[in-house]
Amino acid sequence: MPLGETLRALADKNRRKVLEILKRGDLSVGEILLQLNITGASLSHHLNVLRQADLVSSRREGQQIIYSLNLSVFEEVINDLSNFLSK
């Protein structure tokens, strides 16, 4: 994943809040929404940006979509930034 796209996704405070919430475990859209002061449409947009940046993944369980944090991308970002700063 390109570093620029990842950083763009992380630039928004609501997306960072979603990531903080998902650090505690996998949640459905409704469960995430209960912890934020935004509309469902706004959450959908933010989750889409996070998914495109590969920071979260989703899976369907019945009628619900469950979101999970993708820690491997965070490891890649840390590695890329470390390499960038060491040059």
Protein backbone atom coordinates (compact mmCIF):
# COMPACT_ATOMS: atom_id res chain seq x y z
CA MET A 1 0.00 0.00 0.00
CA PRO A 2 1.43 3.41 -0.93
CA LEU A 3 2.47 5.41 2.11
CA GLY A 4 0.71 8.54 0.82
CA GLU A 5 -2.69 6.83 0.71
CA THR A 6 -2.20 5.45 4.20
CA LEU A 7 -1.23 8.86 5.58
CA ARG A 8 -4.22 10.48 3.84
CA ALA A 9 -6.51 7.96 5.51
CA LEU A 10 -4.92 8.65 8.90
CA ALA A 11 -5.17 12.44 8.49
CA ASP A 12 -8.86 12.57 9.44
CA LYS A 13 -9.71 12.63 13.17
CA ASN A 14 -12.88 10.56 12.72
CA ARG A 15 -10.95 7.81 10.92
CA ARG A 16 -8.38 7.81 13.72
CA LYS A 17 -11.25 7.46 16.23
CA VAL A 18 -12.58 4.47 14.29
CA LEU A 19 -9.12 2.86 14.43
CA GLU A 20 -8.91 3.55 18.19
CA ILE A 21 -12.28 1.87 18.67
CA LEU A 22 -11.23 -1.16 16.59
CA LYS A 23 -8.04 -1.55 18.65
CA ARG A 24 -10.29 -3.06 21.34
CA GLY A 25 -11.63 -5.72 18.97
CA ASP A 26 -13.73 -6.47 15.91
CA LEU A 27 -17.05 -4.62 15.73
CA SER A 28 -20.08 -4.24 13.49
CA VAL A 29 -20.93 -0.95 11.82
CA GLY A 30 -23.72 -0.39 14.34
CA GLU A 31 -21.39 -0.99 17.29
CA ILE A 32 -18.85 1.46 15.89
CA LEU A 33 -21.55 4.04 15.21
CA LEU A 34 -22.75 3.91 18.83
CA GLN A 35 -19.32 5.18 19.92
CA LEU A 36 -19.10 8.11 17.49
CA ASN A 37 -21.00 11.35 17.02
CA ILE A 38 -21.35 11.08 13.23
CA THR A 39 -24.03 9.90 10.80
CA GLY A 40 -24.17 6.42 9.35
CA ALA A 41 -23.38 7.82 5.90
CA SER A 42 -20.30 9.58 7.26
CA LEU A 43 -19.14 6.39 9.00
CA SER A 44 -19.65 4.45 5.79
CA HIS A 45 -17.44 6.94 3.94
CA HIS A 46 -14.71 6.78 6.59
CA LEU A 47 -14.77 2.97 6.66
CA ASN A 48 -14.50 2.91 2.87
CA VAL A 49 -11.40 5.17 2.96
CA LEU A 50 -9.85 3.00 5.69
CA ARG A 51 -10.62 -0.15 3.69
CA GLN A 52 -9.09 1.32 0.52
CA ALA A 53 -5.96 2.15 2.51
CA ASP A 54 -6.05 -1.46 3.80
CA LEU A 55 -6.07 -0.22 7.41
CA VAL A 56 -9.22 -2.21 8.15
CA SER A 57 -10.76 -5.33 6.73
CA SER A 58 -14.39 -6.41 6.73
CA ARG A 59 -16.30 -9.64 6.69
CA ARG A 60 -19.99 -10.45 6.52
CA GLU A 61 -21.64 -12.32 9.38
CA GLY A 62 -25.30 -12.79 8.52
CA GLN A 63 -26.73 -9.35 7.93
CA GLN A 64 -23.88 -7.54 9.69
CA ILE A 65 -20.53 -6.39 8.39
CA ILE A 66 -17.77 -6.80 10.96
CA TYR A 67 -14.67 -4.60 10.79
CA SER A 68 -11.18 -5.50 12.01
CA LEU A 69 -7.96 -3.58 12.32
CA ASN A 70 -5.27 -4.64 9.84
CA LEU A 71 -2.11 -4.48 11.94
CA SER A 72 0.23 -5.61 9.17
CA VAL A 73 -0.32 -2.31 7.34
CA PHE A 74 0.64 -0.37 10.46
CA GLU A 75 3.83 -2.41 10.63
CA GLU A 76 4.58 -1.55 6.98
CA VAL A 77 3.97 2.18 7.63
CA ILE A 78 6.29 2.16 10.63
CA ASN A 79 8.94 0.38 8.57
CA ASP A 80 8.54 2.80 5.63
CA LEU A 81 8.75 5.84 7.90
CA SER A 82 11.76 4.40 9.69
CA ASN A 83 13.52 3.83 6.37
CA PHE A 84 12.60 7.32 5.19
CA LEU A 85 13.91 8.98 8.34
CA SER A 86 17.16 6.98 8.40
CA LYS A 87 18.23 8.15 4.93
